[in-house]
């Protein structure tokens, strides 16, 4: 029912010179390495690709992540409206 739905929280991406970023509305850090960071956000999964990427700071209580490195792309996963399920990033890439 509509009454059962919770309002979506705010999600924001701020990036300075493709190297210093702050992302809000983060629920969880799914994975990260020097070339890719995957975040579970209020707007779906977010894949950040680049080089020499680091998670500088994670504030769980605020849902905020700070990153640095050279950012080359941001990619969000789609939400399948009919089933209410999130489509995996790997599933999207290999369609």
Protein backbone atom coordinates (compact mmCIF):
# COMPACT_ATOMS: atom_id res chain seq x y z
CA UNK A 1 0.00 0.00 0.00
CA UNK A 2 1.05 3.56 -0.53
CA UNK A 3 0.91 4.27 3.21
CA UNK A 4 3.55 1.56 3.78
CA UNK A 5 6.11 3.18 1.48
CA UNK A 6 8.80 5.15 3.17
CA UNK A 7 9.92 8.40 1.57
CA UNK A 8 13.21 8.14 -0.31
CA UNK A 9 16.06 9.85 1.48
CA UNK A 10 18.24 12.43 -0.21
CA UNK A 11 21.22 11.26 -2.25
CA UNK A 12 23.84 13.68 -3.53
CA UNK A 13 27.12 13.34 -5.43
CA UNK A 14 29.62 16.20 -5.30
CA UNK A 15 32.89 15.96 -7.22
CA UNK A 16 35.71 18.50 -7.37
CA UNK A 17 38.10 18.33 -10.34
CA UNK A 18 37.29 14.65 -10.93
CA UNK A 19 39.39 13.77 -7.88
CA UNK A 20 37.73 14.65 -4.56
CA UNK A 21 34.19 13.44 -4.00
CA UNK A 22 31.51 13.40 -1.33
CA UNK A 23 28.51 11.10 -1.70
CA UNK A 24 25.53 11.29 0.66
CA UNK A 25 22.58 8.94 1.02
CA UNK A 26 24.89 5.93 1.21
CA UNK A 27 23.52 2.84 2.93
CA UNK A 28 26.57 0.61 2.55
CA UNK A 29 29.94 0.26 0.84
CA UNK A 30 29.51 -2.96 -1.14
CA UNK A 31 33.11 -3.20 -2.38
CA UNK A 32 36.10 -1.10 -3.30
CA UNK A 33 39.55 -1.35 -4.82
CA UNK A 34 41.89 1.03 -6.65
CA UNK A 35 39.81 0.94 -9.86
CA UNK A 36 36.21 0.65 -8.66
CA UNK A 37 33.98 1.56 -5.73
CA UNK A 38 30.45 0.15 -5.44
CA UNK A 39 28.03 1.86 -3.06
CA UNK A 40 24.47 0.98 -2.08
CA UNK A 41 22.71 4.37 -2.10
CA UNK A 42 19.17 5.63 -1.61
CA UNK A 43 18.88 5.78 -5.42
CA UNK A 44 20.24 2.28 -6.14
CA UNK A 45 23.69 0.79 -6.57
CA UNK A 46 26.34 3.26 -7.70
CA UNK A 47 29.52 2.06 -9.43
CA UNK A 48 32.38 4.57 -9.49
CA UNK A 49 35.22 3.70 -11.88
CA UNK A 50 38.61 5.34 -12.07
CA UNK A 51 42.24 4.99 -11.08
CA UNK A 52 43.91 5.15 -7.69
CA UNK A 53 40.50 5.35 -5.96
CA UNK A 54 40.33 5.43 -2.16
CA UNK A 55 37.51 5.61 0.36
CA UNK A 56 38.92 8.39 2.54
CA UNK A 57 36.14 8.54 5.10
CA UNK A 58 32.93 6.67 5.84
CA UNK A 59 30.38 8.22 8.19
CA UNK A 60 27.83 5.45 8.68
CA UNK A 61 25.52 7.47 10.94
CA UNK A 62 25.29 10.24 8.32
CA UNK A 63 25.31 7.94 5.28
CA UNK A 64 28.26 9.85 3.84
CA UNK A 65 31.37 8.67 1.97
CA UNK A 66 34.39 10.72 0.91
CA UNK A 67 36.53 9.44 -1.96
CA UNK A 68 39.67 10.53 -3.78
CA UNK A 69 41.56 9.42 -6.87
CA UNK A 70 40.85 10.03 -10.56
CA UNK A 71 37.16 9.44 -11.29
CA UNK A 72 36.37 8.31 -14.83
CA UNK A 73 32.69 7.35 -14.57
CA UNK A 74 29.60 6.96 -12.40
CA UNK A 75 27.06 4.26 -13.23
CA UNK A 76 23.77 3.62 -11.43
CA UNK A 77 21.89 0.35 -11.56
CA UNK A 78 18.26 0.43 -12.72
CA UNK A 79 15.32 -0.37 -10.50
CA UNK A 80 12.94 -2.84 -12.11
CA UNK A 81 9.61 -1.06 -11.52
CA UNK A 82 7.43 -4.13 -12.19
CA UNK A 83 9.10 -6.38 -9.64
CA UNK A 84 10.54 -3.74 -7.32
CA UNK A 85 13.94 -5.41 -7.51
CA UNK A 86 17.24 -3.78 -8.27
CA UNK A 87 18.95 -5.08 -11.37
CA UNK A 88 22.56 -5.97 -10.73
CA UNK A 89 25.29 -3.88 -12.28
CA UNK A 90 26.93 -6.95 -13.78
CA UNK A 91 23.60 -7.94 -15.31
CA UNK A 92 23.34 -4.54 -16.99
CA UNK A 93 26.88 -4.62 -18.30
CA UNK A 94 26.51 -8.03 -19.93
CA UNK A 95 23.11 -7.53 -21.64
